[in-house]
Amino acid sequence: MAGTSAHPLELWLPALQRFDPAHPLQRLLARADRFEDGPQGYLEGLGGFFRCDVQPLPAAALTRELARGDAADALWLSADPAWVQPEMNGARLLASGRLGLSEEEAEALAAPLRPLFGDAGMQLELTTPDRWHLRLSPGSPLPPFAAPEQALGEHLLQHLPHGPGGRRWRLLLTEAQVLLHQHPLNAERRARGQPPVNSLWLWGGGRLPHRVGSTLAGVVGDDPLLCALAAHAGLPQQARDLAQLAQTPVGWLVDLQDLTAADIERDAWPAIEARRRRDALRFHFASGERYLHRPWHRWRAWRGGRA
């Protein structure tokens, strides 16, 4: 019978506060069951869907393995090209990765950085033009690094590693920023109205895990780390196509957390509306709230909202 499956369709959404009271999702949540809050944020959210034997989540090793298959036993650290805005009291991170670099631009920017990191015993690898990695020797000490989502829009000093263990990395980052600031390619990018690449964001350090597990049946999404975790857990994957959301099997996770509330209303809501009448839907918000809506919940008229 439709809607009787014990496994809901899992939907990963942006923070709940991004949906205004008039959004159709709010009417659906009014009739759904609220559960205990789950993890908040990007990395913590992924950690709620996947069990990994390495903590914190080794994003660098996982994404490198997905793209190149050579993560092996090395220690990896993401070193994504970044745009920082200098200010009176420091600098603010405005973007990390996804800066629209071509392969030629990425290679040109990385050329002066390779000797810098090489002298420090590391190898700079351009996994994709917008996703760079540092290969370190196993056992190299790594201080905690903040994920980009934690630092975007904030001052760098709030999120750089502190203490004696972080000093080496702060110095390396400062030298990298000097080299990138002087690179002629950045003047060309500014002239074309593109943001400069004047820093790197270091994050996601660790070794490739031996085991990744999940209760999910599959994933729909384009996020590299989500896809890497799914691949390591042996789960089937599909690229995100919101037009096909109505056919996504129950038990699968659909990644929508990088979309705006307006995008979801315009592009995904028709399929969600169709699915909620026949299948259980579990909503995971990036802000931690979790709701479960079953088909019969539409009859909860006393809770308000439209059936």
C-alpha atoms as a PDB file:
ATOM      1  CA  MET A   1       0.000   0.000   0.000  1.00  0.00           C
ATOM      2  CA  ALA A   2       1.361   3.452  -0.862  1.00  0.00           C
ATOM      3  CA  GLY A   3       2.762   5.354   2.084  1.00  0.00           C
ATOM      4  CA  THR A   4       3.169   2.334   4.370  1.00  0.00           C
ATOM      5  CA  SER A   5       6.945   1.923   3.948  1.00  0.00           C
ATOM      6  CA  ALA A   6       8.900   2.018   7.204  1.00  0.00           C
ATOM      7  CA  HIS A   7      11.639   3.966   5.442  1.00  0.00           C
ATOM      8  CA  PRO A   8      10.922   7.617   4.700  1.00  0.00           C
ATOM      9  CA  LEU A   9      12.461   9.698   1.971  1.00  0.00           C
ATOM     10  CA  GLU A  10      15.169  11.745   3.687  1.00  0.00           C
ATOM     11  CA  LEU A  11      15.433  15.430   2.733  1.00  0.00           C
ATOM     12  CA  TRP A  12      18.430  17.522   3.836  1.00  0.00           C
ATOM     13  CA  LEU A  13      17.440  21.195   3.833  1.00  0.00           C
ATOM     14  CA  PRO A  14      18.916  24.616   4.638  1.00  0.00           C
ATOM     15  CA  ALA A  15      18.486  26.127   8.095  1.00  0.00           C
ATOM     16  CA  LEU A  16      14.815  26.345   9.085  1.00  0.00           C
ATOM     17  CA  GLN A  17      15.004  30.088   9.749  1.00  0.00           C
ATOM     18  CA  ARG A  18      15.602  30.653   6.032  1.00  0.00           C
ATOM     19  CA  PHE A  19      12.000  29.614   5.278  1.00  0.00           C
ATOM     20  CA  ASP A  20       9.637  32.501   5.893  1.00  0.00           C
ATOM     21  CA  PRO A  21       6.170  31.868   7.411  1.00  0.00           C
ATOM     22  CA  ALA A  22       4.498  31.973   3.981  1.00  0.00           C
ATOM     23  CA  HIS A  23       6.671  29.225   2.504  1.00  0.00           C
ATOM     24  CA  PRO A  24       4.594  26.098   1.695  1.00  0.00           C
ATOM     25  CA  LEU A  25       6.996  23.990   3.734  1.00  0.00           C
ATOM     26  CA  GLN A  26       5.809  25.722   6.904  1.00  0.00           C
ATOM     27  CA  ARG A  27       2.236  24.490   6.314  1.00  0.00           C
ATOM     28  CA  LEU A  28       3.499  20.940   5.957  1.00  0.00           C
ATOM     29  CA  LEU A  29       5.632  21.142   9.105  1.00  0.00           C
ATOM     30  CA  ALA A  30       2.622  22.343  11.094  1.00  0.00           C
ATOM     31  CA  ARG A  31       1.083  18.885  10.626  1.00  0.00           C
ATOM     32  CA  ALA A  32       4.293  16.853  10.941  1.00  0.00           C
ATOM     33  CA  ASP A  33       5.832  15.277  14.053  1.00  0.00           C
ATOM     34  CA  ARG A  34       8.799  17.098  15.582  1.00  0.00           C
ATOM     35  CA  PHE A  35      11.681  14.953  16.767  1.00  0.00           C
ATOM     36  CA  GLU A  36      14.756  15.629  18.852  1.00  0.00           C
ATOM     37  CA  ASP A  37      17.134  17.975  17.087  1.00  0.00           C
ATOM     38  CA  GLY A  38      19.989  16.435  15.131  1.00  0.00           C
ATOM     39  CA  PRO A  39      23.435  17.717  14.130  1.00  0.00           C
ATOM     40  CA  GLN A  40      23.849  21.291  12.949  1.00  0.00           C
ATOM     41  CA  GLY A  41      25.881  22.508  10.002  1.00  0.00           C
ATOM     42  CA  TYR A  42      27.502  20.882   7.012  1.00  0.00           C
ATOM     43  CA  LEU A  43      30.169  18.569   8.434  1.00  0.00           C
ATOM     44  CA  GLU A  44      28.156  17.684  11.519  1.00  0.00           C
ATOM     45  CA  GLY A  45      25.134  17.049   9.326  1.00  0.00           C
ATOM     46  CA  LEU A  46      27.067  14.628   7.142  1.00  0.00           C
ATOM     47  CA  GLY A  47      28.326  12.950  10.296  1.00  0.00           C
ATOM     48  CA  GLY A  48      24.709  12.331  11.258  1.00  0.00           C
ATOM     49  CA  PHE A  49      24.089  10.385   8.043  1.00  0.00           C
ATOM     50  CA  PHE A  50      27.370   8.453   7.951  1.00  0.00           C
ATOM     51  CA  ARG A  51      29.381   6.593  10.606  1.00  0.00           C
ATOM     52  CA  CYS A  52      33.106   6.944  10.083  1.00  0.00           C
ATOM     53  CA  ASP A  53      35.981   5.307  11.995  1.00  0.00           C
ATOM     54  CA  VAL A  54      38.071   8.503  11.728  1.00  0.00           C
ATOM     55  CA  GLN A  55      37.034  11.639  13.576  1.00  0.00           C
ATOM     56  CA  PRO A  56      36.688  14.473  12.894  1.00  0.00           C
ATOM     57  CA  LEU A  57      35.379  13.690   9.419  1.00  0.00           C
ATOM     58  CA  PRO A  58      38.447  13.497   7.108  1.00  0.00           C
ATOM     59  CA  ALA A  59      36.951  15.478   4.239  1.00  0.00           C
ATOM     60  CA  ALA A  60      40.252  15.945   2.412  1.00  0.00           C
ATOM     61  CA  ALA A  61      41.146  12.255   2.213  1.00  0.00           C
ATOM     62  CA  LEU A  62      37.618  11.247   1.227  1.00  0.00           C
ATOM     63  CA  THR A  63      37.280  13.791  -1.586  1.00  0.00           C
ATOM     64  CA  ARG A  64      40.771  13.035  -2.858  1.00  0.00           C
ATOM     65  CA  GLU A  65      39.987   9.313  -2.964  1.00  0.00           C
ATOM     66  CA  LEU A  66      36.731   9.948  -4.824  1.00  0.00           C
ATOM     67  CA  ALA A  67      38.425  12.115  -7.447  1.00  0.00           C
ATOM     68  CA  ARG A  68      41.775  10.356  -7.878  1.00  0.00           C
ATOM     69  CA  GLY A  69      41.669   7.057  -5.987  1.00  0.00           C
ATOM     70  CA  ASP A  70      45.114   7.565  -4.449  1.00  0.00           C
ATOM     71  CA  ALA A  71      44.456   8.707  -0.882  1.00  0.00           C
ATOM     72  CA  ALA A  72      45.967   5.440   0.434  1.00  0.00           C
ATOM     73  CA  ASP A  73      47.696   5.812   3.820  1.00  0.00           C
ATOM     74  CA  ALA A  74      48.809   9.436   3.434  1.00  0.00           C
ATOM     75  CA  LEU A  75      47.579  12.264   5.597  1.00  0.00           C
ATOM     76  CA  TRP A  76      45.542  14.815   3.626  1.00  0.00           C
ATOM     77  CA  LEU A  77      44.469  18.403   4.191  1.00  0.00           C
ATOM     78  CA  SER A  78      42.177  20.433   1.938  1.00  0.00           C
ATOM     79  CA  ALA A  79      43.838  23.649   0.738  1.00  0.00           C
ATOM     80  CA  ASP A  80      41.079  25.171  -1.330  1.00  0.00           C
ATOM     81  CA  PRO A  81      41.691  28.419  -3.248  1.00  0.00           C
ATOM     82  CA  ALA A  82      39.995  31.244  -1.379  1.00  0.00           C
ATOM     83  CA  TRP A  83      39.092  34.913  -1.573  1.00  0.00           C
ATOM     84  CA  VAL A  84      39.675  37.050   1.500  1.00  0.00           C
ATOM     85  CA  GLN A  85      38.874  40.729   1.897  1.00  0.00           C
ATOM     86  CA  PRO A  86      41.500  42.770   3.808  1.00  0.00           C
ATOM     87  CA  GLU A  87      40.037  45.063   6.469  1.00  0.00           C
ATOM     88  CA  MET A  88      41.283  47.425   9.136  1.00  0.00           C
ATOM     89  CA  ASN A  89      41.476  44.691  11.762  1.00  0.00           C
ATOM     90  CA  GLY A  90      42.513  41.743   9.606  1.00  0.00           C
ATOM     91  CA  ALA A  91      40.787  39.910   6.754  1.00  0.00           C
ATOM     92  CA  ARG A  92      37.410  38.318   6.142  1.00  0.00           C
ATOM     93  CA  LEU A  93      36.780  35.060   4.251  1.00  0.00           C
ATOM     94  CA  LEU A  94      34.366  35.710   1.376  1.00  0.00           C
ATOM     95  CA  ALA A  95      34.662  32.502  -0.658  1.00  0.00           C
ATOM     96  CA  SER A  96      36.387  29.121  -0.556  1.00  0.00           C
ATOM     97  CA  GLY A  97      36.460  26.920  -3.637  1.00  0.00           C
ATOM     98  CA  ARG A  98      33.963  27.405  -6.455  1.00  0.00           C
ATOM     99  CA  LEU A  99      35.835  30.454  -7.746  1.00  0.00           C
ATOM    100  CA  GLY A 100      35.426  29.450 -11.381  1.00  0.00           C
ATOM    101  CA  LEU A 101      39.074  28.673 -12.026  1.00  0.00           C
ATOM    102  CA  SER A 102      40.144  27.025 -15.255  1.00  0.00           C
ATOM    103  CA  GLU A 103      42.817  24.317 -15.175  1.00  0.00           C
ATOM    104  CA  GLU A 104      45.327  26.772 -16.641  1.00  0.00           C
ATOM    105  CA  GLU A 105      44.534  29.409 -13.998  1.00  0.00           C
ATOM    106  CA  ALA A 106      44.764  26.895 -11.178  1.00  0.00           C
ATOM    107  CA  GLU A 107      48.146  25.638 -12.366  1.00  0.00           C
ATOM    108  CA  ALA A 108      49.465  29.192 -12.719  1.00  0.00           C
ATOM    109  CA  LEU A 109      48.375  30.130  -9.198  1.00  0.00           C
ATOM    110  CA  ALA A 110      49.738  26.928  -7.693  1.00  0.00           C
ATOM    111  CA  ALA A 111      53.179  27.200  -9.331  1.00  0.00           C
ATOM    112  CA  PRO A 112      54.734  29.595  -6.757  1.00  0.00           C
ATOM    113  CA  LEU A 113      53.035  27.751  -3.873  1.00  0.00           C
ATOM    114  CA  ARG A 114      54.493  24.316  -4.601  1.00  0.00           C
ATOM    115  CA  PRO A 115      58.055  25.190  -3.476  1.00  0.00           C
ATOM    116  CA  LEU A 116      56.652  26.854  -0.340  1.00  0.00           C
ATOM    117  CA  PHE A 117      54.816  23.733   0.758  1.00  0.00           C
ATOM    118  CA  GLY A 118      57.536  21.453  -0.590  1.00  0.00           C
ATOM    119  CA  ASP A 119      60.081  23.070   1.724  1.00  0.00           C
ATOM    120  CA  ALA A 120      57.668  22.348   4.582  1.00  0.00           C
ATOM    121  CA  GLY A 121      57.551  18.655   3.670  1.00  0.00           C
ATOM    122  CA  MET A 122      54.168  18.719   1.925  1.00  0.00           C
ATOM    123  CA  GLN A 123      52.999  18.166  -1.637  1.00  0.00           C
ATOM    124  CA  LEU A 124      50.387  20.469  -3.146  1.00  0.00           C
ATOM    125  CA  GLU A 125      47.964  18.539  -5.382  1.00  0.00           C
ATOM    126  CA  LEU A 126      45.388  20.178  -7.660  1.00  0.00           C
ATOM    127  CA  THR A 127      42.652  17.563  -7.497  1.00  0.00           C
ATOM    128  CA  THR A 128      40.308  19.847  -9.478  1.00  0.00           C
ATOM    129  CA  PRO A 129      40.762  23.525 -10.375  1.00  0.00           C
ATOM    130  CA  ASP A 130      38.648  24.568  -7.377  1.00  0.00           C
ATOM    131  CA  ARG A 131      39.587  21.772  -4.963  1.00  0.00           C
ATOM    132  CA  TRP A 132      43.217  21.541  -3.879  1.00  0.00           C
ATOM    133  CA  HIS A 133      44.857  19.156  -1.394  1.00  0.00           C
ATOM    134  CA  LEU A 134      48.050  18.910   0.617  1.00  0.00           C
ATOM    135  CA  ARG A 135      49.615  15.457   0.945  1.00  0.00           C
ATOM    136  CA  LEU A 136      51.472  15.075   4.245  1.00  0.00           C
ATOM    137  CA  SER A 137      53.540  12.260   5.684  1.00  0.00           C
ATOM    138  CA  PRO A 138      51.596   9.866   7.944  1.00  0.00           C
ATOM    139  CA  GLY A 139      51.879  10.911  11.557  1.00  0.00           C
ATOM    140  CA  SER A 140      52.377  14.609  10.819  1.00  0.00           C
ATOM    141  CA  PRO A 141      50.779  16.671  13.598  1.00  0.00           C
ATOM    142  CA  LEU A 142      47.658  18.532  12.523  1.00  0.00           C
ATOM    143  CA  PRO A 143      45.888  21.113  14.687  1.00  0.00           C
ATOM    144  CA  PRO A 144      42.105  21.501  14.371  1.00  0.00           C
ATOM    145  CA  PHE A 145      41.002  23.483  11.302  1.00  0.00           C
ATOM    146  CA  ALA A 146      37.608  25.106  10.810  1.00  0.00           C
ATOM    147  CA  ALA A 147      35.426  24.057   7.883  1.00  0.00           C
ATOM    148  CA  PRO A 148      34.691  26.815   5.334  1.00  0.00           C
ATOM    149  CA  GLU A 149      31.042  27.033   6.395  1.00  0.00           C
ATOM    150  CA  GLN A 150      32.148  28.007   9.902  1.00  0.00           C
ATOM    151  CA  ALA A 151      34.365  30.845   8.692  1.00  0.00           C
ATOM    152  CA  LEU A 152      32.569  32.324   5.669  1.00  0.00           C
ATOM    153  CA  GLY A 153      31.882  35.999   6.242  1.00  0.00           C
ATOM    154  CA  GLU A 154      33.965  36.112   9.415  1.00  0.00           C
ATOM    155  CA  HIS A 155      37.444  37.307  10.313  1.00  0.00           C
ATOM    156  CA  LEU A 156      40.189  34.789   9.635  1.00  0.00           C
ATOM    157  CA  LEU A 157      41.852  35.161  13.022  1.00  0.00           C
ATOM    158  CA  GLN A 158      38.747  33.761  14.684  1.00  0.00           C
ATOM    159  CA  HIS A 159      39.203  30.460  12.843  1.00  0.00           C
ATOM    160  CA  LEU A 160      42.929  29.950  12.281  1.00  0.00           C
ATOM    161  CA  PRO A 161      44.640  27.316  14.448  1.00  0.00           C
ATOM    162  CA  HIS A 162      46.038  28.789  17.661  1.00  0.00           C
ATOM    163  CA  GLY A 163      48.835  27.927  20.032  1.00  0.00           C
ATOM    164  CA  PRO A 164      52.314  26.565  19.311  1.00  0.00           C
ATOM    165  CA  GLY A 165      50.896  23.812  17.080  1.00  0.00           C
ATOM    166  CA  GLY A 166      49.087  26.341  14.917  1.00  0.00           C
ATOM    167  CA  ARG A 167      51.958  28.818  14.553  1.00  0.00           C
ATOM    168  CA  ARG A 168      53.595  26.881  11.725  1.00  0.00           C
ATOM    169  CA  TRP A 169      50.357  26.848   9.766  1.00  0.00           C
ATOM    170  CA  ARG A 170      49.649  30.528  10.345  1.00  0.00           C
ATOM    171  CA  LEU A 171      53.086  31.388   8.990  1.00  0.00           C
ATOM    172  CA  LEU A 172      52.640  29.131   5.954  1.00  0.00           C
ATOM    173  CA  LEU A 173      49.268  30.680   5.210  1.00  0.00           C
ATOM    174  CA  THR A 174      50.688  34.197   5.493  1.00  0.00           C
ATOM    175  CA  GLU A 175      53.471  33.348   3.035  1.00  0.00           C
ATOM    176  CA  ALA A 176      50.965  31.792   0.638  1.00  0.00           C
ATOM    177  CA  GLN A 177      48.816  34.924   0.812  1.00  0.00           C
ATOM    178  CA  VAL A 178      51.819  37.115  -0.070  1.00  0.00           C
ATOM    179  CA  LEU A 179      52.638  34.953  -3.098  1.00  0.00           C
ATOM    180  CA  LEU A 180      49.039  34.938  -4.313  1.00  0.00           C
ATOM    181  CA  HIS A 181      48.569  38.667  -3.735  1.00  0.00           C
ATOM    182  CA  GLN A 182      51.556  39.344  -6.003  1.00  0.00           C
ATOM    183  CA  HIS A 183      50.409  36.949  -8.740  1.00  0.00           C
ATOM    184  CA  PRO A 184      49.627  38.811 -12.010  1.00  0.00           C
ATOM    185  CA  LEU A 185      46.670  36.515 -12.707  1.00  0.00           C
ATOM    186  CA  ASN A 186      44.722  38.146  -9.905  1.00  0.00           C
ATOM    187  CA  ALA A 187      44.980  41.549 -11.572  1.00  0.00           C
ATOM    188  CA  GLU A 188      43.566  39.961 -14.723  1.00  0.00           C
ATOM    189  CA  ARG A 189      40.710  38.398 -12.780  1.00  0.00           C
ATOM    190  CA  ARG A 190      39.816  41.712 -11.147  1.00  0.00           C
ATOM    191  CA  ALA A 191      39.834  43.394 -14.565  1.00  0.00           C
ATOM    192  CA  ARG A 192      37.314  40.760 -15.748  1.00  0.00           C
ATOM    193  CA  GLY A 193      35.125  41.349 -12.696  1.00  0.00           C
ATOM    194  CA  GLN A 194      36.108  38.038 -11.096  1.00  0.00           C
ATOM    195  CA  PRO A 195      37.172  37.641  -7.469  1.00  0.00           C
ATOM    196  CA  PRO A 196      40.889  37.237  -6.811  1.00  0.00           C
ATOM    197  CA  VAL A 197      42.390  34.059  -5.414  1.00  0.00           C
ATOM    198  CA  ASN A 198      44.469  35.598  -2.640  1.00  0.00           C
ATOM    199  CA  SER A 199      44.468  32.891   0.037  1.00  0.00           C
ATOM    200  CA  LEU A 200      43.927  29.200   0.757  1.00  0.00           C
ATOM    201  CA  TRP A 201      41.496  27.649   3.208  1.00  0.00           C
ATOM    202  CA  LEU A 202      42.948  24.713   5.106  1.00  0.00           C
ATOM    203  CA  TRP A 203      40.446  22.220   6.517  1.00  0.00           C
ATOM    204  CA  GLY A 204      39.225  18.624   6.654  1.00  0.00           C
ATOM    205  CA  GLY A 205      42.516  17.008   7.632  1.00  0.00           C
ATOM    206  CA  GLY A 206      42.931  13.292   8.303  1.00  0.00           C
ATOM    207  CA  ARG A 207      43.603   9.894   6.765  1.00  0.00           C
ATOM    208  CA  LEU A 208      41.241   7.823   4.651  1.00  0.00           C
ATOM    209  CA  PRO A 209      38.887   5.847   6.916  1.00  0.00           C
ATOM    210  CA  HIS A 210      38.794   2.077   6.774  1.00  0.00           C
ATOM    211  CA  ARG A 211      35.035   1.940   7.247  1.00  0.00           C
ATOM    212  CA  VAL A 212      32.109   4.239   6.484  1.00  0.00           C
ATOM    213  CA  GLY A 213      28.603   3.034   7.319  1.00  0.00           C
ATOM    214  CA  SER A 214      25.111   4.416   6.886  1.00  0.00           C
ATOM    215  CA  THR A 215      21.481   3.411   7.266  1.00  0.00           C
ATOM    216  CA  LEU A 216      20.681   5.206   4.003  1.00  0.00           C
ATOM    217  CA  ALA A 217      19.781   3.214   0.907  1.00  0.00           C
ATOM    218  CA  GLY A 218      21.315   5.726  -1.517  1.00  0.00           C
ATOM    219  CA  VAL A 219      21.990   9.424  -2.058  1.00  0.00           C
ATOM    220  CA  VAL A 220      20.937  12.086  -4.534  1.00  0.00           C
ATOM    221  CA  GLY A 221      23.267  15.073  -4.712  1.00  0.00           C
ATOM    222  CA  ASP A 222      26.292  16.713  -6.263  1.00  0.00           C
ATOM    223  CA  ASP A 223      28.289  17.656  -3.167  1.00  0.00           C
ATOM    224  CA  PRO A 224      31.766  16.051  -3.461  1.00  0.00           C
ATOM    225  CA  LEU A 225      32.046  15.054   0.202  1.00  0.00           C
ATOM    226  CA  LEU A 226      28.533  13.572   0.293  1.00  0.00           C
ATOM    227  CA  CYS A 227      29.347  11.576  -2.842  1.00  0.00           C
ATOM    228  CA  ALA A 228      32.691  10.489  -1.386  1.00  0.00           C
ATOM    229  CA  LEU A 229      31.071   9.222   1.806  1.00  0.00           C
ATOM    230  CA  ALA A 230      28.384   7.393  -0.162  1.00  0.00           C
ATOM    231  CA  ALA A 231      30.995   5.756  -2.382  1.00  0.00           C
ATOM    232  CA  HIS A 232      33.052   4.637   0.622  1.00  0.00           C
ATOM    233  CA  ALA A 233      29.893   3.225   2.235  1.00  0.00           C
ATOM    234  CA  GLY A 234      29.008   1.344  -0.971  1.00  0.00           C
ATOM    235  CA  LEU A 235      25.781   3.280  -1.580  1.00  0.00           C
ATOM    236  CA  PRO A 236      24.304   3.972  -5.011  1.00  0.00           C
ATOM    237  CA  GLN A 237      24.313   7.620  -6.085  1.00  0.00           C
ATOM    238  CA  GLN A 238      22.407   9.819  -8.468  1.00  0.00           C
ATOM    239  CA  ALA A 239      23.205  13.347  -9.591  1.00  0.00           C
ATOM    240  CA  ARG A 240      20.642  15.830  -8.369  1.00  0.00           C
ATOM    241  CA  ASP A 241      17.823  16.373 -10.852  1.00  0.00           C
ATOM    242  CA  LEU A 242      14.877  18.011  -9.126  1.00  0.00           C
ATOM    243  CA  ALA A 243      12.609  16.981 -11.980  1.00  0.00           C
ATOM    244  CA  GLN A 244      13.260  13.349 -10.973  1.00  0.00           C
ATOM    245  CA  LEU A 245      12.644  13.857  -7.249  1.00  0.00           C
ATOM    246  CA  ALA A 246       9.202  12.310  -7.537  1.00  0.00           C
ATOM    247  CA  GLN A 247      10.835   8.995  -8.527  1.00  0.00           C
ATOM    248  CA  THR A 248      13.584   8.901  -5.860  1.00  0.00           C
ATOM    249  CA  PRO A 249      13.237   5.649  -3.853  1.00  0.00           C
ATOM    250  CA  VAL A 250      12.301   5.816  -0.180  1.00  0.00           C
ATOM    251  CA  GLY A 251      15.236   5.343   2.164  1.00  0.00           C
ATOM    252  CA  TRP A 252      17.406   7.601   0.013  1.00  0.00           C
ATOM    253  CA  LEU A 253      18.802  10.996   1.035  1.00  0.00           C
ATOM    254  CA  VAL A 254      18.178  13.999  -1.220  1.00  0.00           C
ATOM    255  CA  ASP A 255      20.649  16.829  -0.641  1.00  0.00           C
ATOM    256  CA  LEU A 256      18.923  20.208  -0.898  1.00  0.00           C
ATOM    257  CA  GLN A 257      20.817  22.014   1.861  1.00  0.00           C
ATOM    258  CA  ASP A 258      22.807  24.242  -0.516  1.00  0.00           C
ATOM    259  CA  LEU A 259      19.668  25.652  -2.176  1.00  0.00           C
ATOM    260  CA  THR A 260      17.749  28.754  -1.159  1.00  0.00           C
ATOM    261  CA  ALA A 261      14.197  28.578   0.173  1.00  0.00           C
ATOM    262  CA  ALA A 262      13.054  30.230  -3.054  1.00  0.00           C
ATOM    263  CA  ASP A 263      14.861  27.604  -5.160  1.00  0.00           C
ATOM    264  CA  ILE A 264      13.154  24.829  -3.219  1.00  0.00           C
ATOM    265  CA  GLU A 265       9.707  26.393  -3.604  1.00  0.00           C
ATOM    266  CA  ARG A 266      10.172  26.945  -7.325  1.00  0.00           C
ATOM    267  CA  ASP A 267      12.031  23.793  -8.384  1.00  0.00           C
ATOM    268  CA  ALA A 268      11.499  21.080  -5.769  1.00  0.00           C
ATOM    269  CA  TRP A 269       8.158  21.794  -4.144  1.00  0.00           C
ATOM    270  CA  PRO A 270       5.893  20.239  -6.799  1.00  0.00           C
ATOM    271  CA  ALA A 271       7.681  16.893  -6.345  1.00  0.00           C
ATOM    272  CA  ILE A 272       7.692  17.193  -2.531  1.00  0.00           C
ATOM    273  CA  GLU A 273       3.982  17.961  -2.607  1.00  0.00           C
ATOM    274  CA  ALA A 274       3.347  14.848  -4.691  1.00  0.00           C
ATOM    275  CA  ARG A 275       5.539  12.647  -2.492  1.00  0.00           C
ATOM    276  CA  ARG A 276       4.028  13.728   0.832  1.00  0.00           C
ATOM    277  CA  ARG A 277       0.660  12.280  -0.236  1.00  0.00           C
ATOM    278  CA  ARG A 278       2.063   8.773  -0.730  1.00  0.00           C
ATOM    279  CA  ASP A 279       5.322   8.460   1.240  1.00  0.00           C
ATOM    280  CA  ALA A 280       6.734   9.396   4.616  1.00  0.00           C
ATOM    281  CA  LEU A 281       9.135  12.334   4.414  1.00  0.00           C
ATOM    282  CA  ARG A 282      11.794  13.093   7.015  1.00  0.00           C
ATOM    283  CA  PHE A 283      13.133  16.639   7.001  1.00  0.00           C
ATOM    284  CA  HIS A 284      16.639  17.319   8.317  1.00  0.00           C
ATOM    285  CA  PHE A 285      17.406  21.032   8.586  1.00  0.00           C
ATOM    286  CA  ALA A 286      20.964  22.356   8.635  1.00  0.00           C
ATOM    287  CA  SER A 287      20.019  24.169  11.852  1.00  0.00           C
ATOM    288  CA  GLY A 288      19.319  20.800  13.515  1.00  0.00           C
ATOM    289  CA  GLU A 289      15.494  20.582  13.543  1.00  0.00           C
ATOM    290  CA  ARG A 290      13.984  17.285  12.395  1.00  0.00           C
ATOM    291  CA  TYR A 291      10.403  16.515  11.371  1.00  0.00           C
ATOM    292  CA  LEU A 292       8.607  13.442  10.066  1.00  0.00           C
ATOM    293  CA  HIS A 293       5.543  13.850   7.855  1.00  0.00           C
ATOM    294  CA  ARG A 294       3.423  10.819   6.967  1.00  0.00           C
ATOM    295  CA  PRO A 295       0.708  10.799   4.276  1.00  0.00           C
ATOM    296  CA  TRP A 296      -2.126  10.651   6.814  1.00  0.00           C
ATOM    297  CA  HIS A 297      -0.822  13.755   8.571  1.00  0.00           C
ATOM    298  CA  ARG A 298      -2.584  15.842   5.951  1.00  0.00           C
ATOM    299  CA  TRP A 299      -5.811  15.144   7.858  1.00  0.00           C
ATOM    300  CA  ARG A 300      -4.518  16.915  10.976  1.00  0.00           C
ATOM    301  CA  ALA A 301      -6.664  19.924  10.225  1.00  0.00           C
ATOM    302  CA  TRP A 302      -6.608  21.113  13.838  1.00  0.00           C
ATOM    303  CA  ARG A 303      -2.882  21.894  13.416  1.00  0.00           C
ATOM    304  CA  GLY A 304      -3.561  24.415  10.690  1.00  0.00           C
ATOM    305  CA  GLY A 305      -2.235  24.541   7.144  1.00  0.00           C
ATOM    306  CA  ARG A 306      -3.807  23.414   3.945  1.00  0.00           C
ATOM    307  CA  ALA A 307      -4.535  19.740   3.231  1.00  0.00           C
END
